[in-house]
Protein backbone atom coordinates (compact mmCIF):
# COMPACT_ATOMS: atom_id res chain seq x y z
CA UNK A 1 115.95 140.90 85.51
CA UNK A 2 114.60 138.84 82.19
CA UNK A 3 115.09 141.10 79.66
CA UNK A 4 111.79 141.70 77.59
CA UNK A 5 111.36 140.47 73.83
CA UNK A 6 108.46 142.61 73.18
CA UNK A 7 106.13 145.32 74.26
CA UNK A 8 104.18 144.09 76.80
CA UNK A 9 101.35 146.16 75.21
CA UNK A 10 102.11 144.61 72.11
CA UNK A 11 102.44 141.16 73.43
CA UNK A 12 99.32 141.29 75.50
CA UNK A 13 97.04 142.48 72.36
CA UNK A 14 98.43 139.74 70.33
CA UNK A 15 97.09 137.14 73.00
CA UNK A 16 93.83 138.91 72.84
CA UNK A 17 93.50 138.45 69.16
CA UNK A 18 94.67 135.08 69.26
CA UNK A 19 92.10 134.40 71.58
CA UNK A 20 88.95 135.73 69.96
CA UNK A 21 89.39 133.38 67.08
CA UNK A 22 89.92 130.17 68.22
CA UNK A 23 88.70 130.06 71.94
CA UNK A 24 86.97 126.74 73.21
CA UNK A 25 82.91 127.19 73.50
CA UNK A 26 83.49 126.04 77.06
CA UNK A 27 79.48 126.39 79.10
CA UNK A 28 81.08 129.29 81.63
CA UNK A 29 82.31 130.99 78.78
CA UNK A 30 78.92 132.32 77.63
CA UNK A 31 78.23 133.63 81.49
CA UNK A 32 79.57 137.44 82.71
CA UNK A 33 78.48 135.65 85.90
CA UNK A 34 80.68 136.06 89.26
CA UNK A 35 79.05 132.96 90.58
CA UNK A 36 78.95 131.22 87.88
CA UNK A 37 83.14 132.08 86.90
CA UNK A 38 83.87 131.42 90.23
CA UNK A 39 82.49 126.94 90.62
CA UNK A 40 84.58 126.64 87.51
CA UNK A 41 87.72 127.50 88.13
CA UNK A 42 87.36 126.21 91.70
CA UNK A 43 85.96 122.45 89.63
CA UNK A 44 88.81 123.67 87.09
CA UNK A 45 92.02 123.17 89.47
CA UNK A 46 93.66 120.63 89.40
CA UNK A 47 90.92 118.81 86.86
CA UNK A 48 90.49 118.14 83.12
CA UNK A 49 87.99 120.20 81.28
CA UNK A 50 86.17 117.88 79.78
CA UNK A 51 85.45 116.01 83.35
CA UNK A 52 84.46 119.77 84.52
CA UNK A 53 81.77 120.33 81.73
CA UNK A 54 79.19 118.05 83.21
CA UNK A 55 79.53 118.56 86.78
CA UNK A 56 79.60 122.23 86.35
CA UNK A 57 76.86 122.04 84.46
CA UNK A 58 74.29 119.90 86.78
CA UNK A 59 76.90 121.74 89.62
CA UNK A 60 74.79 125.27 88.32
CA UNK A 61 71.33 123.29 88.32
CA UNK A 62 71.26 122.32 91.57
CA UNK A 63 72.70 125.57 92.76
CA UNK A 64 72.38 128.21 91.02
CA UNK A 65 73.31 131.26 92.85
CA UNK A 66 75.47 131.75 96.00
CA UNK A 67 73.08 132.15 98.44
CA UNK A 68 71.17 128.81 97.25
CA UNK A 69 75.16 126.73 97.84
CA UNK A 70 75.71 128.66 100.84
CA UNK A 71 71.38 126.84 102.14
CA UNK A 72 72.28 123.72 100.67
CA UNK A 73 73.34 120.85 103.24
CA UNK A 74 76.58 119.80 103.00
CA UNK A 75 75.62 116.34 102.24
CA UNK A 76 73.89 117.50 99.44
CA UNK A 77 77.00 119.84 98.17
CA UNK A 78 80.06 116.90 98.63
CA UNK A 79 77.49 114.66 96.95
CA UNK A 80 77.10 116.32 94.00
CA UNK A 81 80.87 116.98 93.84
CA UNK A 82 81.13 113.53 94.10
CA UNK A 83 83.92 111.88 91.74
CA UNK A 84 85.89 114.94 91.25
CA UNK A 85 88.06 114.57 94.08
CA UNK A 86 89.96 117.59 95.75
CA UNK A 87 86.77 117.45 97.89
CA UNK A 88 88.30 120.73 100.34
CA UNK A 89 87.27 122.80 97.03
CA UNK A 90 83.67 121.61 97.51
CA UNK A 91 83.68 122.28 101.20
CA UNK A 92 84.88 126.27 100.50
CA UNK A 93 83.47 126.54 97.98
CA UNK A 94 80.47 126.33 100.64
CA UNK A 95 82.20 128.52 103.27
CA UNK A 96 82.91 130.70 100.67
CA UNK A 97 79.13 131.19 99.61
CA UNK A 98 78.01 131.27 103.19
CA UNK A 99 80.68 134.24 104.00
CA UNK A 100 79.18 136.35 101.01
CA UNK A 101 75.93 135.74 101.38
CA UNK A 102 76.66 137.03 105.27
CA UNK A 103 78.78 139.45 104.43
CA UNK A 104 77.63 140.97 101.00
CA UNK A 105 74.22 139.61 100.97
CA UNK A 106 75.30 137.12 98.15
CA UNK A 107 76.85 139.31 95.57
CA UNK A 108 80.65 137.91 95.26
CA UNK A 109 82.70 141.66 95.48
CA UNK A 110 84.02 143.21 92.57
CA UNK A 111 87.34 143.73 93.18
CA UNK A 112 89.87 141.30 93.60
CA UNK A 113 90.89 142.24 96.71
CA UNK A 114 87.86 142.32 98.13
CA UNK A 115 87.36 139.09 96.77
CA UNK A 116 90.56 137.85 98.37
CA UNK A 117 88.75 138.74 101.55
CA UNK A 118 86.66 135.14 100.91
CA UNK A 119 87.53 132.21 102.04
CA UNK A 120 88.70 129.44 99.58
CA UNK A 121 89.27 133.08 97.10
CA UNK A 122 93.00 132.55 96.73
CA UNK A 123 94.84 135.07 94.28
CA UNK A 124 94.57 133.08 91.32
CA UNK A 125 90.62 132.87 91.67
CA UNK A 126 90.10 136.62 92.58
CA UNK A 127 91.94 137.80 89.50
CA UNK A 128 89.56 135.24 87.35
CA UNK A 129 86.59 136.73 88.71
CA UNK A 130 87.57 140.01 88.43
CA UNK A 131 89.42 140.12 85.22
CA UNK A 132 86.42 138.20 83.54
CA UNK A 133 83.67 139.12 85.58
CA UNK A 134 83.70 142.95 86.23
CA UNK A 135 87.01 144.19 83.68
CA UNK A 136 89.39 144.65 86.43
CA UNK A 137 93.24 144.79 85.05
CA UNK A 138 93.64 141.84 87.67
CA UNK A 139 96.46 139.19 86.78
CA UNK A 140 96.83 135.88 87.28
CA UNK A 141 98.83 133.02 87.33
CA UNK A 142 98.15 129.03 87.33
CA UNK A 143 99.59 126.39 85.84
CA UNK A 144 98.99 127.42 82.30
CA UNK A 145 100.17 130.63 82.42
CA UNK A 146 103.27 130.12 84.39
CA UNK A 147 104.45 127.45 81.92
CA UNK A 148 103.37 130.13 78.46
CA UNK A 149 105.19 132.95 80.62
CA UNK A 150 108.35 130.96 81.71
CA UNK A 151 109.16 129.93 78.06
CA UNK A 152 108.22 133.44 76.37
CA UNK A 153 110.66 135.42 78.82
CA UNK A 154 113.02 132.60 79.34
CA UNK A 155 112.12 132.30 83.39
CA UNK A 156 114.89 129.72 84.63
CA UNK A 157 113.51 130.12 88.15
CA UNK A 158 111.98 126.80 89.47
CA UNK A 159 107.92 128.10 89.10
CA UNK A 160 106.68 126.49 92.18
CA UNK A 161 109.48 128.84 93.85
CA UNK A 162 109.45 131.70 96.01
CA UNK A 163 111.05 133.66 94.00
CA UNK A 164 109.64 131.88 90.29
CA UNK A 165 106.32 132.90 91.58
CA UNK A 166 107.11 136.87 92.25
CA UNK A 167 108.71 137.37 88.58
CA UNK A 168 105.17 135.12 86.74
CA UNK A 169 103.55 137.66 88.60
CA UNK A 170 104.92 140.85 88.02
CA UNK A 171 105.07 139.37 84.28
CA UNK A 172 101.69 138.96 85.06
CA UNK A 173 101.07 142.19 85.72
CA UNK A 174 102.70 143.89 83.62
CA UNK A 175 100.62 142.44 80.92
CA UNK A 176 97.36 143.48 81.72
CA UNK A 177 98.98 146.62 83.12
CA UNK A 178 100.31 147.81 79.44
CA UNK A 179 96.61 146.64 77.74
CA UNK A 180 95.40 148.70 75.21
CA UNK A 181 92.52 150.11 75.71
CA UNK A 182 89.54 148.14 73.93
CA UNK A 183 90.49 144.93 74.96
CA UNK A 184 89.72 142.90 77.96
CA UNK A 185 91.31 141.88 80.68
CA UNK A 186 89.36 138.88 81.09
CA UNK A 187 89.91 138.29 77.60
CA UNK A 188 93.97 138.41 78.02
CA UNK A 189 94.14 136.10 80.52
CA UNK A 190 91.63 133.34 79.32
CA UNK A 191 93.62 133.52 75.86
CA UNK A 192 97.18 132.64 78.49
CA UNK A 193 95.15 130.30 79.43
CA UNK A 194 94.36 128.77 76.10
CA UNK A 195 97.60 129.11 74.46
CA UNK A 196 99.36 127.14 77.69
CA UNK A 197 96.49 124.58 77.58
CA UNK A 198 96.06 123.93 73.51
CA UNK A 199 99.65 125.11 72.52
CA UNK A 200 101.82 125.56 74.98
CA UNK A 201 101.66 121.78 76.00
CA UNK A 202 104.39 120.21 78.91
CA UNK A 203 105.68 118.41 76.30
CA UNK A 204 105.45 118.28 71.96
CA UNK A 205 104.55 122.55 72.45
CA UNK A 206 103.32 123.67 68.42
CA UNK A 207 105.47 126.64 68.73
CA UNK A 208 105.43 126.83 64.48
CA UNK A 209 101.36 127.76 65.15
CA UNK A 210 101.97 130.32 68.18
CA UNK A 211 101.60 133.23 67.66
CA UNK A 212 104.23 134.44 70.40
CA UNK A 213 106.99 132.11 68.74
CA UNK A 214 108.53 134.82 67.11
CA UNK A 215 109.39 136.62 70.69
CA UNK A 216 109.46 133.69 72.64
CA UNK A 217 112.88 133.04 73.95
CA UNK A 218 111.77 129.16 74.54
CA UNK A 219 111.58 128.50 71.16
CA UNK A 220 114.11 131.23 69.51
CA UNK A 221 116.90 128.88 71.57
CA UNK A 222 115.46 125.74 71.29
CA UNK A 223 114.74 125.27 75.13
CA UNK A 224 110.93 124.03 75.79
CA UNK A 225 111.66 120.78 77.41
CA UNK A 226 113.87 122.76 80.08
CA UNK A 227 111.31 125.28 80.40
CA UNK A 228 109.24 126.12 82.54
CA UNK A 229 111.91 124.73 85.61
CA UNK A 230 109.49 122.39 87.95
CA UNK A 231 111.20 120.59 90.72
CA UNK A 232 110.70 116.94 90.16
CA UNK A 233 107.98 114.58 91.78
CA UNK A 234 108.71 112.06 94.55
CA UNK A 235 107.89 108.58 92.80
CA UNK A 236 104.91 106.69 94.47
CA UNK A 237 107.30 103.72 96.00
CA UNK A 238 109.06 106.91 97.84
CA UNK A 239 105.74 108.37 99.02
CA UNK A 240 104.87 107.65 102.61
CA UNK A 241 102.38 104.96 103.73
CA UNK A 242 99.29 106.11 105.37
CA UNK A 243 97.97 102.14 106.35
CA UNK A 244 94.34 101.83 108.13
CA UNK A 245 92.60 98.85 108.50
CA UNK A 246 88.68 98.99 107.96
CA UNK A 247 85.47 97.32 108.87
CA UNK A 248 82.42 96.04 107.01
CA UNK A 249 79.52 95.62 109.32
CA UNK A 250 77.24 94.25 107.43
CA UNK A 251 73.45 92.79 108.10
CA UNK A 252 70.60 93.79 105.76
CA UNK A 253 73.07 98.03 106.01
CA UNK A 254 76.21 98.38 105.95
CA UNK A 255 77.57 100.58 108.19
CA UNK A 256 79.28 104.12 107.74
CA UNK A 257 80.81 107.21 108.86
CA UNK A 258 81.14 110.72 108.02
CA UNK A 259 85.01 112.29 108.11
CA UNK A 260 85.44 115.16 110.51
CA UNK A 261 85.23 118.29 107.68
CA UNK A 262 88.79 119.14 108.25
CA UNK A 263 91.78 116.83 107.08
CA UNK A 264 92.13 113.90 104.32
CA UNK A 265 88.90 113.40 103.02
CA UNK A 266 87.01 115.47 104.86
CA UNK A 267 83.29 115.18 105.52
CA UNK A 268 83.04 111.91 103.35
CA UNK A 269 81.47 109.07 104.36
CA UNK A 270 83.71 106.05 104.40
CA UNK A 271 83.84 102.70 106.05
CA UNK A 272 84.66 103.03 109.60
CA UNK A 273 88.45 102.69 109.65
CA UNK A 274 91.49 103.42 112.26
CA UNK A 275 94.95 101.99 112.42
CA UNK A 276 94.21 98.55 114.02
CA UNK A 277 90.61 96.26 113.70
CA UNK A 278 90.33 95.98 117.26
CA UNK A 279 90.36 99.50 118.22
CA UNK A 280 87.68 100.20 115.77
CA UNK A 281 86.08 96.77 116.48
CA UNK A 282 86.00 97.56 119.70
CA UNK A 283 84.31 101.02 119.70
CA UNK A 284 80.40 99.39 117.94
CA UNK A 285 80.74 96.93 120.73
CA UNK A 286 81.00 94.62 117.99
CA UNK A 287 83.32 91.07 117.32
CA UNK A 288 85.65 91.37 113.69
CA UNK A 289 87.45 88.20 112.43
CA UNK A 290 90.76 87.56 112.58
CA UNK A 291 92.04 87.68 109.22
CA UNK A 292 90.63 90.28 106.20
CA UNK A 293 88.87 89.93 103.64
CA UNK A 294 89.44 92.15 101.28
CA UNK A 295 93.34 94.28 100.48
CA UNK A 296 92.32 98.18 98.62
CA UNK A 297 95.96 100.31 98.01
CA UNK A 298 95.91 103.41 96.48
CA UNK A 299 98.31 105.92 95.76
CA UNK A 300 97.90 109.89 97.04
CA UNK A 301 99.08 113.38 95.84
CA UNK A 302 101.53 112.80 99.39
CA UNK A 303 101.23 109.64 100.43
CA UNK A 304 100.32 105.96 99.84
CA UNK A 305 97.06 105.01 101.16
CA UNK A 306 96.63 101.54 102.19
CA UNK A 307 93.59 99.55 102.92
CA UNK A 308 93.13 96.06 105.32
CA UNK A 309 88.90 95.10 105.12
CA UNK A 310 88.08 93.01 107.74
CA UNK A 311 84.37 91.47 108.28
CA UNK A 312 82.68 92.15 111.77
CA UNK A 313 79.36 92.27 113.90
CA UNK A 314 76.77 94.06 113.45
CA UNK A 315 76.67 96.55 115.98
CA UNK A 316 73.61 96.64 118.27
CA UNK A 317 72.77 100.73 118.12
CA UNK A 318 74.94 103.32 116.57
CA UNK A 319 73.50 105.78 120.22
CA UNK A 320 77.24 106.88 121.20
CA UNK A 321 79.62 105.57 119.24
CA UNK A 322 82.78 107.22 119.27
CA UNK A 323 85.57 106.92 116.67
CA UNK A 324 88.60 109.50 116.45
CA UNK A 325 88.09 111.29 113.05
CA UNK A 326 84.49 111.37 112.87
CA UNK A 327 81.46 113.26 113.28
CA UNK A 328 78.66 110.48 112.52
CA UNK A 329 78.11 107.50 111.90
CA UNK A 330 74.68 105.80 109.39
CA UNK A 331 73.39 102.68 107.80
CA UNK A 332 72.54 102.55 104.47
CA UNK A 333 71.62 100.33 101.93
CA UNK A 334 73.68 97.90 99.31
CA UNK A 335 73.02 98.97 95.74
CA UNK A 336 69.89 101.04 96.42
CA UNK A 337 70.57 104.27 93.73
CA UNK A 338 67.95 105.59 95.82
CA UNK A 339 69.71 108.48 97.27
CA UNK A 340 73.61 109.26 96.56
CA UNK A 341 76.40 110.16 99.06
CA UNK A 342 79.63 111.32 98.45
CA UNK A 343 82.39 108.84 99.34
CA UNK A 344 85.99 108.95 100.07
CA UNK A 345 87.13 107.17 96.98
CA UNK A 346 89.08 104.24 98.90
CA UNK A 347 85.29 103.27 99.67
CA UNK A 348 83.86 104.03 97.04
CA UNK A 349 86.54 101.97 94.88
CA UNK A 350 85.52 99.05 97.42
CA UNK A 351 81.96 99.05 97.44
CA UNK A 352 82.24 99.01 93.47
CA UNK A 353 84.06 95.67 93.40
CA UNK A 354 82.01 94.10 96.32
CA UNK A 355 78.12 95.55 96.44
CA UNK A 356 76.78 92.80 94.15
CA UNK A 357 78.57 90.37 96.77
CA UNK A 358 78.87 91.62 99.48
CA UNK A 359 80.13 90.14 102.96
CA UNK A 360 77.33 88.92 105.16
CA UNK A 361 77.96 89.71 108.96
CA UNK A 362 79.94 86.58 110.72
CA UNK A 363 76.92 87.17 113.54
CA UNK A 364 74.19 87.16 113.36
CA UNK A 365 72.07 90.42 112.57
CA UNK A 366 69.44 92.93 114.73
CA UNK A 367 65.77 93.43 113.21
CA UNK A 368 66.52 96.66 114.41
CA UNK A 369 69.28 99.29 114.42
CA UNK A 370 68.61 102.16 116.01
CA UNK A 371 69.92 105.08 114.91
CA UNK A 372 72.20 107.94 116.91
CA UNK A 373 70.71 111.97 117.15
CA UNK A 374 73.40 112.40 114.84
CA UNK A 375 72.95 109.49 112.26
CA UNK A 376 71.18 109.08 109.51
CA UNK A 377 69.80 105.81 107.73
CA UNK A 378 70.78 106.24 103.50
CA UNK A 379 70.69 104.55 100.62
CA UNK A 380 73.48 104.69 97.94
CA UNK A 381 75.14 103.82 95.02
CA UNK A 382 79.01 104.27 95.39
CA UNK A 383 80.16 107.51 93.55
CA UNK A 384 83.02 106.72 90.81
CA UNK A 385 86.72 108.20 90.14
CA UNK A 386 88.01 110.55 92.35
CA UNK A 387 90.24 113.50 90.85
CA UNK A 388 92.94 113.11 93.78
CA UNK A 389 93.94 109.53 93.14
CA UNK A 390 96.53 108.11 90.27
CA UNK A 391 96.24 104.61 91.02
CA UNK A 392 94.26 102.43 92.83
CA UNK A 393 93.54 98.32 93.08
CA UNK A 394 91.19 96.35 95.18
CA UNK A 395 91.58 92.92 95.76
CA UNK A 396 90.98 90.11 98.11
CA UNK A 397 94.72 89.34 98.54
CA UNK A 398 97.65 91.14 100.14
CA UNK A 399 99.90 92.30 96.98
CA UNK A 400 103.22 91.69 99.10
CA UNK A 401 101.52 90.08 101.63
CA UNK A 402 100.86 91.53 105.98
CA UNK A 403 101.80 94.44 107.23
CA UNK A 404 102.17 95.66 110.63
CA UNK A 405 100.24 99.31 111.17
CA UNK A 406 102.56 102.33 110.85
CA UNK A 407 103.49 103.94 113.30
CA UNK A 408 104.23 107.29 111.62
CA UNK A 409 102.66 110.72 112.79
CA UNK A 410 100.52 110.28 109.88
CA UNK A 411 98.24 107.77 110.56
CA UNK A 412 97.44 109.81 113.93
CA UNK A 413 96.40 112.69 112.46
CA UNK A 414 92.44 113.15 111.74
CA UNK A 415 92.50 112.85 107.78
């Protein structure tokens, strides 16, 4: 077992005192509204603070209460989220809001154990809401907290392993349990996160001005670069490739499809696509050109994505169109800012590059395109960016020649 270097009550008090003097003025810290804290914690997962601030402010203005979020259409929710990436977070927020409205009349539970019953709220988020909003002595562990605790206590287990997580949660629990009376558990948890975000950085930590520097095993032994222990990530070139072929069906308007809610890009709008452009064309009853007009390469978290874009004819109707992985189809006017839709990052990049010089349909365009019962006719401006990607390239030429569609199982599942 890892040795304690200081009494946990003294360590917790030191963290709270430091936090009181250096905490950043962030908009969600000015509120004890559990819903506002919930939204901020979900947005902050895998996203930088400065990026989150304007999104949080727009979200709270558009959906100021749990009930407002529960009652909002999913398209509106995803549109306000557009650009933050990892869209499952937004879908889970809405599911959680619906559950809280139905079960707790729109008021979030006060205890971490009850918060865990809300869809989309895990141990970390439950601990954050319970401690910050309600003052419960509930621990939490996120990436920043794990780094601080691993260095202070010299934890040598991989912090993402079961053993590492067990030790981290034990240490976090000891700190919040031993916190002296009169000290706020929420300040302790936020203080730990603040240390990880500002002083105990992944590289070049500022140990000389850290309030825990004298008791930190990593600082005392010069092992800051070794701790925390994290399994190396796969290189981008080693990630599996997901290859798709998309249709650009454009006359006076562009045809788009909305993904089913589950899976990669769930609930987002994109150029209709599949493993083979010809199969997609058959679903719409259109002709498709043999050679692609553009290529898009993108690195996701666990895979690489390559999309070939083919110009196709304009469908006579969207009624009855069925394509695996999609729940609705619509037409939209290019470049019209009248309405925003939430786009998959790949389609956003393609539209951003080509919306001012779109490829016309290779066949005549019907004057009227009947909409299906489930489809809508919307205008849009492509939303920019996605927090779920680390690199994107969109071009009119392939980077390494034309490839056949992948036959791996990852290309056959609903995304």
